[in-house]
Amino acid sequence: MKVRLLALIVVAALVGCSDRKDPEPRQGSSPQTVNVVAVKSTKLDTKLSLPAQLTSFEVVDIYPKVTGFIERVAVDRGSHVRSGQLIAQLSAPELLAQRSQTEAAGQKAQSELAAAKAKLAADEATYSHLQNAAKTPGVVAGNDVLVAEQTAAADRAQVEAASNNVRAAQQTLKAVEQLESYLKIEAPFDGVVTERNLHPGALVGPSSGTGDSHSIVQVASLRRLRLVVPVPEAYAAGVRNGQQVAFAVPEFPGETFQAPVARISNDLDIKTRTMPVELEVSNGKERLTPGSFATVQWPVQRSYRTLFVPATAVATDLQRTFVVRISGGKTEWVDVKTGVNSGDLIEVFGDLHPGDQVAIRGTDELKPGTMVQTKLSQ
């Protein structure tokens, strides 16, 4: 009986299951809403902050042109100098001896020239006398006239040689005097002494600044400065001479200075991929200091239109940089390369067109092919 009862229960359960209807499929959730913005097409016109450095327009280490001892240095660090102003005085006793020898040689050459001229005058007089006497037949032998003529010609050659010796002695004396003038070391241009390395009593000599030699002083110009801007390769196009550029320095917070582009190197540094560009800074009041760092508001412009999207629209993963474009209610990833930031927008290059709708917030969570609803932002 128990077995029969159990069998009946199982059959009833199976019949009940067969009469039960299948449940209806679940309704899908509504598509995600994505804020989108239209891709803009415009000409780039913005400014970038670039680091730069102020340097003196002219700076030179002062070395003597001749060997000598420093007698005195007329300036010190911080001294303002004018072009031609005395910086240092040297002494060189050997130059005094050289000058004496040169003057003696010049006097000797002058004496020899005077003697040669006197002999020439006498021999020319003798020749003239014999030549006149020879007009009367039998008075003077013809050979005597010929000898007198040759003697006068030889005297003229001696005078010419003596004159050359005098000129050579004068040139040598001028050279010695020039060397003596080098004992006075003068400022080559208006500026300020930025370094002083030597003092009276030091033995100095000509040098190009190599080795262990030291310059007497260093002079730098202050009223004209160079502002050297290393412009990145991507922003170097379109630079033109005379273009006004704004910059600021830490010494004067909140103040902006202006300077024109004066020199363009037109050569990229292969290590930094930057092109040095120089602005010429007028510093008449000497407020700006060479060596200071500056921040330049570098103008970046393009003559043609490019595409822009919000900077937040660009997403990056380990393999690609992309924006999420919504087309036909579905998402797709479009690979892009970024350019220059212009405010909240960034320049992008890729398979995009003006008016395309892209997600304001680019993210890899929006997988390609996802159905979404869009909300257009202005």
Protein backbone atom coordinates (compact mmCIF):
# COMPACT_ATOMS: atom_id res chain seq x y z
CA MET A 1 0.00 0.00 0.00
CA LYS A 2 2.77 2.41 0.89
CA VAL A 3 4.50 1.78 -2.44
CA ARG A 4 1.25 2.40 -4.36
CA LEU A 5 0.65 5.67 -2.46
CA LEU A 6 4.16 6.92 -3.21
CA ALA A 7 3.71 6.17 -6.94
CA LEU A 8 0.46 8.12 -7.03
CA ILE A 9 2.12 11.15 -5.43
CA VAL A 10 4.93 11.15 -8.01
CA VAL A 11 2.45 10.90 -10.93
CA ALA A 12 0.41 13.80 -9.53
CA ALA A 13 3.51 15.95 -9.22
CA LEU A 14 4.48 15.26 -12.84
CA VAL A 15 1.01 16.16 -14.10
CA GLY A 16 1.08 19.41 -12.14
CA CYS A 17 4.41 20.39 -13.67
CA SER A 18 3.18 19.72 -17.19
CA ASP A 19 0.17 22.00 -16.68
CA ARG A 20 2.36 24.95 -15.41
CA LYS A 21 3.12 27.70 -18.10
CA ASP A 22 6.67 28.93 -18.83
CA PRO A 23 7.43 32.43 -17.33
CA GLU A 24 7.56 35.42 -19.72
CA PRO A 25 11.07 36.76 -20.61
CA ARG A 26 12.37 39.66 -18.52
CA GLN A 27 12.16 43.08 -20.03
CA GLY A 28 15.67 44.69 -20.75
CA SER A 29 16.69 47.82 -18.81
CA SER A 30 16.55 51.21 -20.67
CA PRO A 31 19.78 52.29 -22.55
CA GLN A 32 22.35 54.36 -20.67
CA THR A 33 22.21 58.14 -21.23
CA VAL A 34 25.51 59.69 -22.35
CA ASN A 35 26.27 63.41 -22.44
CA VAL A 36 27.74 64.24 -25.85
CA VAL A 37 29.20 67.26 -27.59
CA ALA A 38 29.73 68.07 -31.26
CA VAL A 39 33.25 68.05 -32.68
CA LYS A 40 34.28 71.63 -33.51
CA SER A 41 36.32 72.83 -36.46
CA THR A 42 38.27 76.09 -35.98
CA LYS A 43 41.67 77.73 -36.48
CA LEU A 44 44.00 77.29 -33.55
CA ASP A 45 44.89 80.56 -31.82
CA THR A 46 46.13 80.13 -28.27
CA LYS A 47 49.12 80.66 -26.00
CA LEU A 48 51.34 78.14 -24.24
CA SER A 49 53.48 78.70 -21.17
CA LEU A 50 57.09 77.88 -22.03
CA PRO A 51 60.19 78.19 -19.83
CA ALA A 52 62.95 80.55 -20.95
CA GLN A 53 66.09 82.22 -19.62
CA LEU A 54 67.39 85.77 -19.75
CA THR A 55 71.01 86.23 -20.77
CA SER A 56 73.18 89.27 -21.42
CA PHE A 57 73.14 90.48 -24.99
CA GLU A 58 76.95 90.68 -24.77
CA VAL A 59 79.23 89.09 -22.19
CA VAL A 60 83.01 88.75 -22.36
CA ASP A 61 85.89 87.63 -20.18
CA ILE A 62 88.63 90.27 -20.27
CA TYR A 63 92.14 88.91 -20.87
CA PRO A 64 95.27 90.98 -21.55
CA LYS A 65 96.72 91.04 -25.06
CA VAL A 66 100.31 91.14 -23.78
CA THR A 67 102.16 89.53 -20.91
CA GLY A 68 102.68 91.76 -17.92
CA PHE A 69 102.07 92.38 -14.24
CA ILE A 70 98.85 93.91 -12.99
CA GLU A 71 99.57 97.28 -11.42
CA ARG A 72 95.98 98.12 -10.53
CA VAL A 73 92.42 97.09 -11.24
CA ALA A 74 90.14 100.12 -11.50
CA VAL A 75 86.83 98.26 -11.17
CA ASP A 76 85.27 95.55 -9.06
CA ARG A 77 82.26 93.25 -9.14
CA GLY A 78 79.13 95.33 -9.70
CA SER A 79 80.94 98.33 -11.19
CA HIS A 80 79.16 99.95 -14.14
CA VAL A 81 81.56 100.74 -16.96
CA ARG A 82 81.36 102.68 -20.19
CA SER A 83 82.94 101.68 -23.48
CA GLY A 84 86.64 102.68 -23.41
CA GLN A 85 86.78 103.08 -19.63
CA LEU A 86 89.99 101.89 -17.95
CA ILE A 87 89.58 98.50 -16.32
CA ALA A 88 93.16 97.54 -15.44
CA GLN A 89 96.71 98.85 -15.87
CA LEU A 90 99.61 96.48 -16.59
CA SER A 91 103.37 96.97 -16.56
CA ALA A 92 105.88 95.21 -18.81
CA PRO A 93 109.54 96.32 -18.39
CA GLU A 94 110.64 94.35 -21.44
CA LEU A 95 108.44 96.54 -23.61
CA LEU A 96 110.36 99.60 -22.43
CA ALA A 97 113.61 97.97 -23.50
CA GLN A 98 112.08 96.96 -26.82
CA ARG A 99 110.91 100.52 -27.39
CA SER A 100 114.40 101.90 -26.70
CA GLN A 101 115.97 99.47 -29.14
CA THR A 102 113.38 100.30 -31.77
CA GLU A 103 113.90 104.05 -31.34
CA ALA A 104 117.68 103.59 -31.63
CA ALA A 105 117.23 101.53 -34.78
CA GLY A 106 115.00 104.25 -36.20
CA GLN A 107 117.53 106.96 -35.44
CA LYS A 108 120.27 104.92 -37.10
CA ALA A 109 118.11 104.42 -40.17
CA GLN A 110 117.43 108.16 -40.31
CA SER A 111 121.17 108.88 -40.08
CA GLU A 112 121.96 106.43 -42.85
CA LEU A 113 119.25 107.98 -45.01
CA ALA A 114 120.67 111.46 -44.45
CA ALA A 115 124.17 110.26 -45.36
CA ALA A 116 122.86 108.51 -48.46
CA LYS A 117 121.00 111.63 -49.55
CA ALA A 118 124.12 113.79 -49.03
CA LYS A 119 126.28 111.45 -51.08
CA LEU A 120 123.61 111.33 -53.78
CA ALA A 121 123.50 115.11 -53.93
CA ALA A 122 127.30 115.36 -54.25
CA ASP A 123 127.54 112.63 -56.89
CA GLU A 124 124.67 114.09 -58.89
CA ALA A 125 126.41 117.49 -58.83
CA THR A 126 129.63 115.89 -60.05
CA TYR A 127 127.77 114.07 -62.81
CA SER A 128 126.01 117.26 -63.88
CA HIS A 129 129.32 119.16 -63.95
CA LEU A 130 131.05 116.52 -66.04
CA GLN A 131 128.09 116.26 -68.37
CA ASN A 132 128.22 120.00 -69.05
CA ALA A 133 131.98 119.95 -69.49
CA ALA A 134 131.74 117.06 -71.92
CA LYS A 135 129.89 119.30 -74.33
CA THR A 136 133.27 120.86 -75.13
CA PRO A 137 135.29 118.30 -77.07
CA GLY A 138 138.47 117.09 -75.37
CA VAL A 139 137.78 118.59 -71.96
CA VAL A 140 136.38 115.47 -70.21
CA ALA A 141 136.82 111.87 -71.13
CA GLY A 142 133.57 110.12 -72.02
CA ASN A 143 134.34 107.29 -69.57
CA ASP A 144 134.46 109.74 -66.66
CA VAL A 145 130.93 110.94 -67.47
CA LEU A 146 129.70 107.34 -67.62
CA VAL A 147 131.29 106.52 -64.26
CA ALA A 148 129.73 109.59 -62.65
CA GLU A 149 126.32 108.64 -64.02
CA GLN A 150 126.54 105.10 -62.64
CA THR A 151 127.72 106.41 -59.27
CA ALA A 152 124.70 108.69 -59.03
CA ALA A 153 122.37 105.80 -59.95
CA ALA A 154 123.94 103.66 -57.22
CA ASP A 155 123.47 106.50 -54.75
CA ARG A 156 119.79 106.76 -55.64
CA ALA A 157 119.41 103.02 -54.92
CA GLN A 158 121.12 103.54 -51.56
CA VAL A 159 118.73 106.37 -50.73
CA GLU A 160 115.75 104.18 -51.61
CA ALA A 161 117.08 101.35 -49.44
CA ALA A 162 117.73 103.74 -46.56
CA SER A 163 114.19 105.16 -46.93
CA ASN A 164 112.78 101.61 -46.72
CA ASN A 165 114.82 101.04 -43.56
CA VAL A 166 113.40 104.21 -42.04
CA ARG A 167 109.83 103.16 -42.88
CA ALA A 168 110.46 99.70 -41.44
CA ALA A 169 111.81 101.22 -38.23
CA GLN A 170 108.77 103.50 -38.01
CA GLN A 171 106.42 100.55 -38.44
CA THR A 172 108.29 98.61 -35.78
CA LEU A 173 108.03 101.57 -33.43
CA LYS A 174 104.29 101.80 -34.09
CA ALA A 175 103.95 98.09 -33.31
CA VAL A 176 105.78 98.54 -30.01
CA GLU A 177 103.62 101.55 -29.20
CA GLN A 178 100.55 99.44 -29.98
CA LEU A 179 101.77 96.75 -27.61
CA GLU A 180 102.30 99.40 -24.97
CA SER A 181 98.74 100.61 -25.47
CA TYR A 182 97.59 97.08 -24.60
CA LEU A 183 98.96 97.63 -21.10
CA LYS A 184 95.83 99.73 -20.57
CA ILE A 185 92.86 97.37 -20.59
CA GLU A 186 89.58 99.12 -21.43
CA ALA A 187 85.92 98.12 -21.41
CA PRO A 188 84.81 96.90 -24.86
CA PHE A 189 81.20 98.07 -24.36
CA ASP A 190 78.85 99.59 -21.81
CA GLY A 191 77.97 97.12 -19.08
CA VAL A 192 78.59 95.92 -15.58
CA VAL A 193 81.46 93.93 -14.09
CA THR A 194 80.02 90.57 -13.06
CA GLU A 195 83.27 88.87 -11.97
CA ARG A 196 86.70 89.91 -10.73
CA ASN A 197 89.29 87.15 -10.56
CA LEU A 198 92.76 88.78 -10.28
CA HIS A 199 94.44 91.49 -8.24
CA PRO A 200 97.56 93.74 -8.45
CA GLY A 201 100.83 91.82 -8.65
CA ALA A 202 99.46 88.92 -10.69
CA LEU A 203 101.36 87.95 -13.82
CA VAL A 204 98.96 87.65 -16.74
CA GLY A 205 99.22 86.97 -20.43
CA PRO A 206 97.19 86.43 -23.58
CA SER A 207 94.69 83.58 -23.36
CA SER A 208 91.56 82.36 -25.06
CA GLY A 209 90.02 81.33 -21.77
CA THR A 210 91.15 77.69 -21.84
CA GLY A 211 93.21 75.77 -19.34
CA ASP A 212 93.87 77.13 -15.87
CA SER A 213 94.07 80.78 -16.91
CA HIS A 214 91.72 83.29 -15.35
CA SER A 215 90.27 86.40 -16.84
CA ILE A 216 90.91 89.65 -15.02
CA VAL A 217 87.22 90.56 -15.00
CA GLN A 218 84.02 89.64 -16.80
CA VAL A 219 81.85 92.37 -18.31
CA ALA A 220 78.22 91.88 -19.32
CA SER A 221 75.74 94.23 -20.94
CA LEU A 222 72.55 94.95 -19.00
CA ARG A 223 70.54 97.37 -21.10
CA ARG A 224 69.96 94.81 -23.84
CA LEU A 225 69.16 91.21 -22.98
CA ARG A 226 68.43 88.02 -24.86
CA LEU A 227 65.46 85.90 -23.81
CA VAL A 228 66.19 82.42 -25.14
CA VAL A 229 63.06 80.29 -25.58
CA PRO A 230 63.44 76.58 -26.46
CA VAL A 231 60.29 76.14 -28.56
CA PRO A 232 59.08 72.52 -28.89
CA GLU A 233 59.10 71.11 -32.41
CA ALA A 234 55.30 70.90 -32.56
CA TYR A 235 54.94 74.63 -31.88
CA ALA A 236 57.85 76.00 -33.92
CA ALA A 237 55.91 76.48 -37.15
CA GLY A 238 54.72 79.99 -37.87
CA VAL A 239 57.32 81.83 -35.77
CA ARG A 240 58.10 85.19 -37.36
CA ASN A 241 60.53 88.01 -36.63
CA GLY A 242 59.05 91.04 -34.92
CA GLN A 243 56.22 89.11 -33.32
CA GLN A 244 55.52 90.50 -29.84
CA VAL A 245 55.60 87.93 -27.02
CA ALA A 246 54.65 88.38 -23.36
CA PHE A 247 56.72 86.98 -20.50
CA ALA A 248 57.01 87.16 -16.74
CA VAL A 249 59.83 86.69 -14.24
CA PRO A 250 59.71 85.58 -10.58
CA GLU A 251 61.31 88.85 -9.39
CA PHE A 252 58.21 90.82 -10.39
CA PRO A 253 55.13 88.65 -9.68
CA GLY A 254 51.99 89.83 -11.43
CA GLU A 255 53.89 92.03 -13.91
CA THR A 256 54.05 91.20 -17.61
CA PHE A 257 56.82 92.28 -19.99
CA GLN A 258 56.81 92.40 -23.79
CA ALA A 259 59.61 91.69 -26.27
CA PRO A 260 59.79 91.03 -30.01
CA VAL A 261 61.11 87.89 -31.67
CA ALA A 262 64.55 88.93 -32.93
CA ARG A 263 66.48 85.79 -33.90
CA ILE A 264 65.21 82.38 -35.05
CA SER A 265 67.78 79.58 -35.13
CA ASN A 266 65.85 77.51 -37.72
CA ASP A 267 67.61 74.45 -36.32
CA LEU A 268 66.14 71.81 -34.03
CA ASP A 269 68.18 70.39 -31.17
CA ILE A 270 68.17 66.64 -31.85
CA LYS A 271 68.38 65.86 -28.13
CA THR A 272 65.52 68.02 -26.86
CA ARG A 273 63.56 68.41 -30.13
CA THR A 274 63.31 72.13 -29.51
CA MET A 275 64.30 75.16 -31.57
CA PRO A 276 66.01 78.08 -29.78
CA VAL A 277 64.31 81.40 -30.47
CA GLU A 278 65.63 84.68 -29.08
CA LEU A 279 63.60 87.69 -28.00
CA GLU A 280 65.43 90.99 -27.72
CA VAL A 281 64.58 92.59 -24.39
CA SER A 282 65.08 96.31 -23.82
CA ASN A 283 66.28 96.74 -20.24
CA GLY A 284 67.07 100.45 -20.07
CA LYS A 285 66.27 100.70 -16.37
CA GLU A 286 68.23 97.50 -15.68
CA ARG A 287 65.34 95.96 -13.75
CA LEU A 288 65.75 92.51 -15.26
CA THR A 289 68.74 90.38 -14.32
CA PRO A 290 70.69 88.14 -16.71
CA GLY A 291 70.42 84.50 -15.70
CA SER A 292 66.82 84.83 -14.49
CA PHE A 293 64.27 82.24 -15.53
CA ALA A 294 61.15 83.48 -17.27
CA THR A 295 57.76 82.10 -18.28
CA VAL A 296 56.83 82.99 -21.84
CA GLN A 297 53.26 83.08 -23.17
CA TRP A 298 54.15 81.60 -26.53
CA PRO A 299 51.58 82.22 -29.30
CA VAL A 300 50.51 79.13 -31.23
CA GLN A 301 48.49 79.66 -34.38
CA ARG A 302 47.48 77.64 -37.43
CA SER A 303 46.45 79.05 -40.79
CA TYR A 304 44.05 76.14 -41.40
CA ARG A 305 41.15 74.61 -39.46
CA THR A 306 41.58 71.63 -37.17
CA LEU A 307 39.17 69.65 -34.96
CA PHE A 308 38.63 70.19 -31.24
CA VAL A 309 36.88 68.22 -28.49
CA PRO A 310 36.73 68.69 -24.72
CA ALA A 311 39.91 67.49 -23.06
CA THR A 312 37.78 65.11 -20.96
CA ALA A 313 36.56 63.39 -24.14
CA VAL A 314 39.97 61.88 -24.86
CA ALA A 315 40.51 58.50 -23.20
CA THR A 316 43.72 56.52 -22.99
CA ASP A 317 44.36 52.91 -22.15
CA LEU A 318 47.54 50.89 -22.36
CA GLN A 319 47.27 50.48 -26.12
CA ARG A 320 45.46 53.43 -27.66
CA THR A 321 44.20 56.99 -27.33
CA PHE A 322 40.61 57.44 -28.50
CA VAL A 323 37.34 59.27 -28.25
CA VAL A 324 33.91 57.59 -27.97
CA ARG A 325 31.77 58.61 -30.92
CA ILE A 326 28.03 57.90 -30.86
CA SER A 327 26.55 57.10 -34.25
CA GLY A 328 23.10 55.56 -34.78
CA GLY A 329 22.63 55.16 -31.02
CA LYS A 330 25.74 52.99 -30.70
CA THR A 331 29.19 53.74 -29.38
CA GLU A 332 32.40 53.34 -31.34
CA TRP A 333 36.01 54.05 -30.48
CA VAL A 334 37.90 56.39 -32.81
CA ASP A 335 41.67 56.49 -32.47
CA VAL A 336 43.07 60.03 -32.30
CA LYS A 337 46.30 61.89 -31.84
CA THR A 338 46.20 64.95 -29.64
CA GLY A 339 47.61 68.36 -30.45
CA VAL A 340 47.50 71.64 -28.54
CA ASN A 341 45.21 72.51 -25.65
CA SER A 342 43.08 75.62 -26.13
CA GLY A 343 41.28 76.34 -22.88
CA ASP A 344 39.02 73.38 -22.05
CA LEU A 345 39.37 72.00 -25.58
CA ILE A 346 42.11 69.91 -27.11
CA GLU A 347 43.13 69.53 -30.73
CA VAL A 348 42.59 66.02 -32.12
CA PHE A 349 43.56 64.32 -35.35
CA GLY A 350 41.84 61.14 -36.53
CA ASP A 351 38.84 59.77 -38.42
CA LEU A 352 36.52 62.49 -37.15
CA HIS A 353 34.42 65.12 -38.87
CA PRO A 354 32.95 68.44 -37.76
CA GLY A 355 29.62 67.88 -36.06
CA ASP A 356 30.34 64.27 -34.99
CA GLN A 357 28.95 63.58 -31.52
CA VAL A 358 31.43 62.29 -28.96
CA ALA A 359 31.02 61.48 -25.29
CA ILE A 360 32.04 64.39 -23.09
CA ARG A 361 33.63 61.91 -20.72
CA GLY A 362 35.71 59.42 -22.67
CA THR A 363 36.12 56.10 -20.89
CA ASP A 364 36.86 52.51 -21.77
CA GLU A 365 33.72 51.54 -19.79
CA LEU A 366 31.70 52.54 -22.87
CA LYS A 367 32.52 49.47 -24.93
CA PRO A 368 32.18 49.67 -28.73
CA GLY A 369 28.67 48.71 -29.92
CA THR A 370 26.89 49.69 -26.70
CA MET A 371 23.38 51.05 -27.24
CA VAL A 372 23.04 54.45 -25.57
CA GLN A 373 20.84 57.48 -25.46
CA THR A 374 22.48 60.86 -26.05
CA LYS A 375 22.05 64.21 -24.39
CA LEU A 376 23.64 67.00 -26.39
CA SER A 377 25.55 69.61 -24.41
CA GLN A 378 26.27 73.06 -25.82
